[in-house]
């Protein structure tokens, strides 16, 4: 598991438009909120994405970009963005390497059945590429507002 004040793991992953997005693209200019969610167009994930979208201008005012990550495809991300008019970059970590490097690919048990899934987690990365806050196992309710409050403190 990652911890506060560590250097954030670098990444190069395709977004919803199949363009490769690199963490280095933002360093020195923007803070990055990197949030991992289980699946496009599911109830909790939709609430979280909509909340981040509603606050996008506030994040931008504080030199911060919000990027969501799941193992869904670029096509799934485009459909999710279009359906809900989301104002976010969504990364398609189809091979799971980004999930692994951030420690969010975890075993879970649901109804007595064990499986692997993304643990809803958020990482605030400052302009220097350092993890300001590592949050594993977050809930979607009120999360975007909490993250924005933390960004305002940077």
N, C-alpha and C. Protein backbone atom coordinates (compact mmCIF):
# COMPACT_ATOMS: atom_id res chain seq x y z
N UNK A 1 0.83 -1.19 0.00
CA UNK A 1 0.00 0.00 0.00
C UNK A 1 0.87 1.25 0.00
N UNK A 2 0.40 2.25 -0.69
CA UNK A 2 1.13 3.52 -0.74
C UNK A 2 0.84 4.33 0.52
N UNK A 3 1.70 5.30 0.77
CA UNK A 3 1.54 6.15 1.96
C UNK A 3 1.76 7.60 1.59
N UNK A 4 1.23 8.49 2.42
CA UNK A 4 1.44 9.92 2.23
C UNK A 4 2.92 10.23 2.15
N UNK A 5 3.26 11.21 1.34
CA UNK A 5 4.62 11.75 1.15
C UNK A 5 5.52 10.87 0.31
N UNK A 6 5.02 9.75 -0.21
CA UNK A 6 5.78 8.97 -1.19
C UNK A 6 5.64 9.62 -2.56
N UNK A 7 6.59 9.35 -3.43
CA UNK A 7 6.45 9.78 -4.82
C UNK A 7 5.37 8.91 -5.46
N UNK A 8 4.45 9.56 -6.16
CA UNK A 8 3.36 8.83 -6.80
C UNK A 8 3.90 7.95 -7.93
N UNK A 9 3.42 6.73 -8.05
CA UNK A 9 3.83 5.89 -9.17
C UNK A 9 3.46 6.55 -10.51
N UNK A 10 4.40 6.57 -11.42
CA UNK A 10 4.15 7.13 -12.75
C UNK A 10 3.17 6.25 -13.50
N UNK A 11 2.49 6.85 -14.47
CA UNK A 11 1.60 6.05 -15.31
C UNK A 11 1.52 6.63 -16.71
N UNK A 12 1.19 5.76 -17.63
CA UNK A 12 0.91 6.10 -19.03
C UNK A 12 -0.21 5.17 -19.46
N UNK A 13 -1.44 5.70 -19.49
CA UNK A 13 -2.63 4.88 -19.72
C UNK A 13 -3.57 5.61 -20.68
N UNK A 14 -4.26 4.86 -21.52
CA UNK A 14 -5.21 5.45 -22.47
C UNK A 14 -6.44 6.00 -21.75
N UNK A 15 -6.89 7.17 -22.23
CA UNK A 15 -8.13 7.74 -21.70
C UNK A 15 -9.31 7.33 -22.57
N UNK A 16 -10.45 7.96 -22.34
CA UNK A 16 -11.68 7.62 -23.07
C UNK A 16 -11.56 7.84 -24.57
N UNK A 17 -10.66 8.69 -24.99
CA UNK A 17 -10.45 8.95 -26.42
C UNK A 17 -9.32 8.10 -27.00
N UNK A 18 -8.82 7.18 -26.20
CA UNK A 18 -7.70 6.31 -26.57
C UNK A 18 -6.40 7.10 -26.76
N UNK A 19 -6.29 8.24 -26.10
CA UNK A 19 -5.04 9.01 -26.05
C UNK A 19 -4.29 8.64 -24.79
N UNK A 20 -3.00 8.48 -24.90
CA UNK A 20 -2.20 8.10 -23.73
C UNK A 20 -2.00 9.32 -22.83
N UNK A 21 -2.37 9.15 -21.57
CA UNK A 21 -2.22 10.19 -20.56
C UNK A 21 -1.10 9.75 -19.61
N UNK A 22 -0.18 10.68 -19.36
CA UNK A 22 0.95 10.40 -18.47
C UNK A 22 0.84 11.29 -17.24
N UNK A 23 1.19 10.76 -16.08
CA UNK A 23 1.23 11.60 -14.89
C UNK A 23 2.15 12.79 -15.13
N UNK A 24 3.26 12.57 -15.81
CA UNK A 24 4.24 13.63 -16.05
C UNK A 24 3.65 14.80 -16.84
N UNK A 25 2.55 14.58 -17.56
CA UNK A 25 1.92 15.65 -18.32
C UNK A 25 1.44 16.79 -17.42
N UNK A 26 1.16 16.48 -16.16
CA UNK A 26 0.55 17.44 -15.25
C UNK A 26 1.53 18.04 -14.24
N UNK A 27 2.63 17.35 -14.00
CA UNK A 27 3.54 17.77 -12.95
C UNK A 27 4.06 19.18 -13.19
N UNK A 28 4.27 19.89 -12.13
CA UNK A 28 4.73 21.27 -12.05
C UNK A 28 3.62 22.26 -12.40
N UNK A 29 2.55 21.81 -13.04
CA UNK A 29 1.46 22.72 -13.42
C UNK A 29 0.17 22.46 -12.67
N UNK A 30 -0.11 21.20 -12.38
CA UNK A 30 -1.40 20.83 -11.79
C UNK A 30 -1.21 19.83 -10.66
N UNK A 31 -2.11 19.92 -9.68
CA UNK A 31 -2.29 18.83 -8.74
C UNK A 31 -3.17 17.81 -9.46
N UNK A 32 -3.08 16.57 -9.06
CA UNK A 32 -3.89 15.52 -9.68
C UNK A 32 -4.68 14.80 -8.60
N UNK A 33 -5.98 14.69 -8.81
CA UNK A 33 -6.82 13.81 -8.00
C UNK A 33 -7.03 12.57 -8.86
N UNK A 34 -6.43 11.47 -8.44
CA UNK A 34 -6.53 10.20 -9.16
C UNK A 34 -7.45 9.30 -8.35
N UNK A 35 -8.65 9.06 -8.89
CA UNK A 35 -9.58 8.23 -8.11
C UNK A 35 -9.91 6.96 -8.88
N UNK A 36 -9.90 5.87 -8.14
CA UNK A 36 -10.16 4.54 -8.70
C UNK A 36 -11.57 4.12 -8.29
N UNK A 37 -12.31 3.59 -9.25
CA UNK A 37 -13.68 3.17 -8.99
C UNK A 37 -13.91 1.82 -9.68
N UNK A 38 -14.86 1.03 -9.16
CA UNK A 38 -15.04 -0.33 -9.67
C UNK A 38 -15.53 -0.46 -11.11
N UNK A 39 -16.57 0.30 -11.52
CA UNK A 39 -17.16 0.03 -12.84
C UNK A 39 -17.98 1.20 -13.32
N UNK A 40 -17.87 1.48 -14.63
CA UNK A 40 -18.68 2.52 -15.26
C UNK A 40 -20.17 2.24 -15.11
N UNK A 41 -20.94 3.32 -14.98
CA UNK A 41 -22.41 3.28 -15.05
C UNK A 41 -23.03 2.34 -14.01
N UNK A 42 -22.43 2.28 -12.83
CA UNK A 42 -23.05 1.59 -11.70
C UNK A 42 -23.45 2.67 -10.70
N UNK A 43 -24.38 2.40 -9.79
CA UNK A 43 -24.94 3.48 -8.96
C UNK A 43 -23.91 4.32 -8.20
N UNK A 44 -23.07 3.70 -7.38
CA UNK A 44 -22.10 4.45 -6.59
C UNK A 44 -21.06 5.15 -7.45
N UNK A 45 -20.62 4.50 -8.50
CA UNK A 45 -19.61 5.08 -9.39
C UNK A 45 -20.18 6.27 -10.16
N UNK A 46 -21.45 6.19 -10.52
CA UNK A 46 -22.10 7.29 -11.21
C UNK A 46 -22.25 8.50 -10.29
N UNK A 47 -22.66 8.26 -9.06
CA UNK A 47 -22.77 9.36 -8.09
C UNK A 47 -21.41 10.04 -7.92
N UNK A 48 -20.37 9.24 -7.74
CA UNK A 48 -19.03 9.80 -7.53
C UNK A 48 -18.57 10.61 -8.75
N UNK A 49 -18.75 10.08 -9.94
CA UNK A 49 -18.34 10.78 -11.17
C UNK A 49 -19.14 12.07 -11.35
N UNK A 50 -20.44 12.02 -11.08
CA UNK A 50 -21.26 13.23 -11.19
C UNK A 50 -20.84 14.28 -10.16
N UNK A 51 -20.52 13.86 -8.94
CA UNK A 51 -20.07 14.80 -7.92
C UNK A 51 -18.77 15.48 -8.32
N UNK A 52 -17.82 14.71 -8.84
CA UNK A 52 -16.57 15.31 -9.30
C UNK A 52 -16.83 16.26 -10.48
N UNK A 53 -17.75 15.89 -11.37
CA UNK A 53 -18.08 16.75 -12.50
C UNK A 53 -18.68 18.07 -12.03
N UNK A 54 -19.61 18.01 -11.08
CA UNK A 54 -20.24 19.23 -10.58
C UNK A 54 -19.23 20.18 -9.94
N UNK A 55 -18.13 19.64 -9.44
CA UNK A 55 -17.11 20.45 -8.78
C UNK A 55 -15.90 20.72 -9.68
N UNK A 56 -15.98 20.35 -10.95
CA UNK A 56 -14.82 20.46 -11.86
C UNK A 56 -14.27 21.88 -11.91
N UNK A 57 -15.13 22.88 -11.97
CA UNK A 57 -14.66 24.28 -12.03
C UNK A 57 -13.92 24.66 -10.75
N UNK A 58 -14.42 24.17 -9.61
CA UNK A 58 -13.75 24.46 -8.34
C UNK A 58 -12.37 23.83 -8.28
N UNK A 59 -12.27 22.59 -8.76
CA UNK A 59 -10.96 21.93 -8.81
C UNK A 59 -10.02 22.71 -9.74
N UNK A 60 -10.53 23.11 -10.90
CA UNK A 60 -9.72 23.86 -11.87
C UNK A 60 -9.21 25.17 -11.27
N UNK A 61 -10.03 25.84 -10.47
CA UNK A 61 -9.62 27.08 -9.81
C UNK A 61 -8.41 26.87 -8.90
N UNK A 62 -8.25 25.65 -8.43
CA UNK A 62 -7.15 25.31 -7.53
C UNK A 62 -6.08 24.48 -8.26
N UNK A 63 -5.93 24.72 -9.57
CA UNK A 63 -4.91 24.06 -10.38
C UNK A 63 -4.90 22.55 -10.20
N UNK A 64 -6.08 21.97 -10.26
CA UNK A 64 -6.22 20.53 -10.03
C UNK A 64 -7.04 19.88 -11.13
N UNK A 65 -6.54 18.76 -11.63
CA UNK A 65 -7.26 17.95 -12.60
C UNK A 65 -7.73 16.68 -11.88
N UNK A 66 -8.95 16.25 -12.22
CA UNK A 66 -9.52 15.04 -11.63
C UNK A 66 -9.53 13.96 -12.72
N UNK A 67 -8.96 12.80 -12.38
CA UNK A 67 -8.86 11.69 -13.32
C UNK A 67 -9.41 10.43 -12.64
N UNK A 68 -10.38 9.82 -13.29
CA UNK A 68 -10.93 8.56 -12.79
C UNK A 68 -10.27 7.38 -13.47
N UNK A 69 -10.20 6.26 -12.77
CA UNK A 69 -9.58 5.05 -13.31
C UNK A 69 -10.45 3.84 -12.97
N UNK A 70 -10.71 3.03 -13.98
CA UNK A 70 -11.29 1.71 -13.76
C UNK A 70 -10.70 0.78 -14.82
N UNK A 71 -11.10 -0.48 -14.77
CA UNK A 71 -10.59 -1.43 -15.75
C UNK A 71 -11.50 -1.51 -16.99
N UNK A 72 -12.48 -0.62 -17.06
CA UNK A 72 -13.36 -0.58 -18.23
C UNK A 72 -12.59 -0.10 -19.46
N UNK A 73 -13.12 -0.40 -20.62
CA UNK A 73 -12.50 -0.02 -21.90
C UNK A 73 -12.70 1.46 -22.20
N UNK A 74 -11.94 1.95 -23.18
CA UNK A 74 -12.11 3.33 -23.67
C UNK A 74 -13.54 3.54 -24.15
N UNK A 75 -14.10 2.57 -24.86
CA UNK A 75 -15.46 2.69 -25.38
C UNK A 75 -16.47 2.79 -24.24
N UNK A 76 -16.29 1.98 -23.21
CA UNK A 76 -17.18 2.04 -22.05
C UNK A 76 -17.09 3.41 -21.38
N UNK A 77 -15.87 3.92 -21.25
CA UNK A 77 -15.69 5.25 -20.65
C UNK A 77 -16.38 6.33 -21.48
N UNK A 78 -16.25 6.27 -22.81
CA UNK A 78 -16.90 7.27 -23.66
C UNK A 78 -18.42 7.24 -23.48
N UNK A 79 -18.98 6.04 -23.43
CA UNK A 79 -20.42 5.90 -23.24
C UNK A 79 -20.85 6.44 -21.88
N UNK A 80 -20.07 6.18 -20.85
CA UNK A 80 -20.34 6.66 -19.49
C UNK A 80 -20.31 8.19 -19.46
N UNK A 81 -19.29 8.77 -20.07
CA UNK A 81 -19.15 10.23 -20.13
C UNK A 81 -20.32 10.84 -20.90
N UNK A 82 -20.66 10.25 -22.02
CA UNK A 82 -21.75 10.78 -22.85
C UNK A 82 -23.10 10.67 -22.14
N UNK A 83 -23.34 9.55 -21.50
CA UNK A 83 -24.63 9.33 -20.85
C UNK A 83 -24.90 10.34 -19.75
N UNK A 84 -23.84 10.70 -18.99
CA UNK A 84 -24.03 11.57 -17.83
C UNK A 84 -23.39 12.95 -18.00
N UNK A 85 -22.93 13.27 -19.21
CA UNK A 85 -22.26 14.56 -19.48
C UNK A 85 -21.15 14.83 -18.46
N UNK A 86 -20.31 13.84 -18.25
CA UNK A 86 -19.21 13.96 -17.28
C UNK A 86 -18.12 14.86 -17.82
N UNK A 87 -17.49 15.59 -16.92
CA UNK A 87 -16.39 16.49 -17.27
C UNK A 87 -15.12 15.98 -16.58
N UNK A 88 -14.70 14.79 -16.99
CA UNK A 88 -13.56 14.12 -16.37
C UNK A 88 -12.75 13.37 -17.42
N UNK A 89 -11.49 13.18 -17.12
CA UNK A 89 -10.69 12.20 -17.87
C UNK A 89 -10.94 10.86 -17.18
N UNK A 90 -11.18 9.83 -17.96
CA UNK A 90 -11.30 8.48 -17.41
C UNK A 90 -10.26 7.60 -18.09
N UNK A 91 -9.43 6.95 -17.27
CA UNK A 91 -8.38 6.10 -17.80
C UNK A 91 -8.85 4.65 -17.84
N UNK A 92 -8.53 3.99 -18.95
CA UNK A 92 -8.92 2.60 -19.19
C UNK A 92 -7.75 1.68 -18.82
N UNK A 93 -7.72 1.28 -17.58
CA UNK A 93 -6.64 0.41 -17.09
C UNK A 93 -7.01 -1.05 -17.31
N UNK A 94 -7.22 -1.40 -18.58
CA UNK A 94 -7.74 -2.73 -18.91
C UNK A 94 -6.81 -3.86 -18.48
N UNK A 95 -5.51 -3.62 -18.45
CA UNK A 95 -4.59 -4.68 -18.03
C UNK A 95 -4.33 -4.66 -16.52
N UNK A 96 -4.83 -3.65 -15.84
CA UNK A 96 -4.74 -3.59 -14.39
C UNK A 96 -3.41 -3.14 -13.82
N UNK A 97 -2.47 -2.75 -14.66
CA UNK A 97 -1.15 -2.36 -14.14
C UNK A 97 -1.21 -1.12 -13.25
N UNK A 98 -2.03 -0.15 -13.62
CA UNK A 98 -2.15 1.05 -12.79
C UNK A 98 -2.80 0.72 -11.46
N UNK A 99 -3.84 -0.11 -11.49
CA UNK A 99 -4.49 -0.55 -10.25
C UNK A 99 -3.50 -1.26 -9.34
N UNK A 100 -2.68 -2.11 -9.93
CA UNK A 100 -1.66 -2.83 -9.15
C UNK A 100 -0.64 -1.87 -8.54
N UNK A 101 -0.17 -0.89 -9.34
CA UNK A 101 0.88 0.00 -8.84
C UNK A 101 0.38 0.91 -7.72
N UNK A 102 -0.92 1.17 -7.69
CA UNK A 102 -1.49 1.99 -6.62
C UNK A 102 -2.10 1.14 -5.50
N UNK A 103 -2.04 -0.17 -5.64
CA UNK A 103 -2.48 -1.07 -4.56
C UNK A 103 -3.99 -1.12 -4.35
N UNK A 104 -4.76 -0.93 -5.43
CA UNK A 104 -6.22 -0.91 -5.27
C UNK A 104 -6.90 -2.18 -5.80
N UNK A 105 -6.14 -3.07 -6.44
CA UNK A 105 -6.70 -4.33 -6.94
C UNK A 105 -6.65 -5.32 -5.80
N UNK A 106 -7.80 -5.62 -5.23
CA UNK A 106 -7.86 -6.38 -3.98
C UNK A 106 -8.87 -7.52 -4.06
N UNK A 107 -8.62 -8.51 -3.21
CA UNK A 107 -9.61 -9.58 -3.08
C UNK A 107 -10.73 -9.08 -2.19
N UNK A 108 -11.96 -9.43 -2.58
CA UNK A 108 -13.11 -9.09 -1.74
C UNK A 108 -14.00 -10.31 -1.64
N UNK A 109 -14.86 -10.29 -0.64
CA UNK A 109 -15.81 -11.38 -0.47
C UNK A 109 -17.21 -10.78 -0.45
N UNK A 110 -18.06 -11.29 -1.32
CA UNK A 110 -19.44 -10.82 -1.41
C UNK A 110 -20.34 -12.03 -1.49
N UNK A 111 -21.26 -12.14 -0.56
CA UNK A 111 -22.19 -13.28 -0.51
C UNK A 111 -21.43 -14.61 -0.46
N UNK A 112 -20.32 -14.63 0.26
CA UNK A 112 -19.53 -15.84 0.42
C UNK A 112 -18.64 -16.20 -0.75
N UNK A 113 -18.63 -15.35 -1.78
CA UNK A 113 -17.82 -15.62 -2.97
C UNK A 113 -16.65 -14.63 -3.00
N UNK A 114 -15.44 -15.18 -3.13
CA UNK A 114 -14.26 -14.33 -3.21
C UNK A 114 -13.96 -14.00 -4.66
N UNK A 115 -13.60 -12.73 -4.90
CA UNK A 115 -13.23 -12.30 -6.24
C UNK A 115 -12.30 -11.10 -6.11
N UNK A 116 -11.70 -10.72 -7.23
CA UNK A 116 -10.83 -9.55 -7.25
C UNK A 116 -11.64 -8.36 -7.78
N UNK A 117 -11.39 -7.20 -7.19
CA UNK A 117 -12.10 -5.99 -7.61
C UNK A 117 -11.28 -4.76 -7.21
N UNK A 118 -11.63 -3.63 -7.81
CA UNK A 118 -11.00 -2.37 -7.45
C UNK A 118 -11.59 -1.88 -6.14
N UNK A 119 -10.71 -1.58 -5.18
CA UNK A 119 -11.12 -0.96 -3.93
C UNK A 119 -11.23 0.53 -4.20
N UNK A 120 -12.42 1.10 -4.03
CA UNK A 120 -12.62 2.52 -4.30
C UNK A 120 -11.63 3.32 -3.46
N UNK A 121 -10.75 4.05 -4.14
CA UNK A 121 -9.64 4.74 -3.47
C UNK A 121 -9.32 6.03 -4.21
N UNK A 122 -8.75 6.99 -3.50
CA UNK A 122 -8.39 8.27 -4.11
C UNK A 122 -7.01 8.70 -3.63
N UNK A 123 -6.27 9.29 -4.56
CA UNK A 123 -4.91 9.75 -4.28
C UNK A 123 -4.80 11.20 -4.71
N UNK A 124 -4.39 12.06 -3.80
CA UNK A 124 -4.12 13.45 -4.13
C UNK A 124 -2.63 13.58 -4.35
N UNK A 125 -2.26 13.98 -5.57
CA UNK A 125 -0.85 14.09 -5.97
C UNK A 125 -0.56 15.56 -6.21
N UNK A 126 0.46 16.08 -5.53
CA UNK A 126 0.77 17.51 -5.69
C UNK A 126 1.56 17.76 -6.96
N UNK A 127 1.84 19.02 -7.22
CA UNK A 127 2.51 19.41 -8.47
C UNK A 127 3.92 18.84 -8.58
N UNK A 128 4.50 18.44 -7.46
CA UNK A 128 5.83 17.84 -7.45
C UNK A 128 5.78 16.33 -7.65
N UNK A 129 4.57 15.77 -7.76
CA UNK A 129 4.44 14.33 -7.96
C UNK A 129 4.48 13.52 -6.68
N UNK A 130 4.20 14.17 -5.56
CA UNK A 130 4.23 13.51 -4.25
C UNK A 130 2.80 13.29 -3.78
N UNK A 131 2.56 12.14 -3.16
CA UNK A 131 1.24 11.81 -2.64
C UNK A 131 0.96 12.65 -1.39
N UNK A 132 0.01 13.55 -1.50
CA UNK A 132 -0.40 14.39 -0.37
C UNK A 132 -1.35 13.63 0.54
N UNK A 133 -2.25 12.86 -0.07
CA UNK A 133 -3.18 12.07 0.73
C UNK A 133 -3.52 10.80 -0.01
N UNK A 134 -3.39 9.69 0.69
CA UNK A 134 -3.69 8.35 0.19
C UNK A 134 -4.93 7.88 0.94
N UNK A 135 -6.00 7.63 0.20
CA UNK A 135 -7.27 7.24 0.83
C UNK A 135 -7.77 5.93 0.21
N UNK A 136 -7.60 4.83 0.93
CA UNK A 136 -8.08 3.53 0.48
C UNK A 136 -9.46 3.28 1.09
N UNK A 137 -10.32 2.65 0.32
CA UNK A 137 -11.62 2.21 0.83
C UNK A 137 -12.58 3.36 1.14
N UNK A 138 -12.62 4.36 0.26
CA UNK A 138 -13.51 5.50 0.49
C UNK A 138 -14.94 5.14 0.09
N UNK A 139 -15.89 5.93 0.58
CA UNK A 139 -17.27 5.80 0.13
C UNK A 139 -17.57 6.96 -0.82
N UNK A 140 -18.47 6.76 -1.73
CA UNK A 140 -18.75 7.77 -2.75
C UNK A 140 -19.51 8.98 -2.20
N UNK A 141 -20.30 8.79 -1.16
CA UNK A 141 -21.15 9.87 -0.66
C UNK A 141 -20.32 10.99 -0.04
N UNK A 142 -20.40 12.18 -0.63
CA UNK A 142 -19.70 13.34 -0.12
C UNK A 142 -18.20 13.33 -0.36
N UNK A 143 -17.72 12.34 -1.08
CA UNK A 143 -16.27 12.18 -1.24
C UNK A 143 -15.66 13.31 -2.06
N UNK A 144 -16.29 13.69 -3.17
CA UNK A 144 -15.74 14.75 -4.02
C UNK A 144 -15.61 16.06 -3.23
N UNK A 145 -16.59 16.35 -2.40
CA UNK A 145 -16.55 17.57 -1.58
C UNK A 145 -15.40 17.50 -0.58
N UNK A 146 -15.20 16.34 0.02
CA UNK A 146 -14.09 16.16 0.97
C UNK A 146 -12.75 16.35 0.28
N UNK A 147 -12.62 15.81 -0.92
CA UNK A 147 -11.36 15.93 -1.67
C UNK A 147 -11.11 17.39 -2.04
N UNK A 148 -12.15 18.08 -2.46
CA UNK A 148 -12.00 19.50 -2.80
C UNK A 148 -11.54 20.30 -1.58
N UNK A 149 -12.09 20.02 -0.41
CA UNK A 149 -11.67 20.71 0.81
C UNK A 149 -10.18 20.48 1.07
N UNK A 150 -9.71 19.25 0.81
CA UNK A 150 -8.28 18.96 1.00
C UNK A 150 -7.43 19.69 -0.02
N UNK A 151 -7.90 19.78 -1.25
CA UNK A 151 -7.16 20.49 -2.30
C UNK A 151 -7.00 21.96 -1.92
N UNK A 152 -8.03 22.53 -1.35
CA UNK A 152 -7.98 23.94 -0.96
C UNK A 152 -6.92 24.21 0.10
N UNK A 153 -6.51 23.16 0.82
CA UNK A 153 -5.49 23.30 1.86
C UNK A 153 -4.06 23.19 1.33
N UNK A 154 -3.90 22.79 0.08
CA UNK A 154 -2.55 22.62 -0.48
C UNK A 154 -1.88 23.96 -0.73
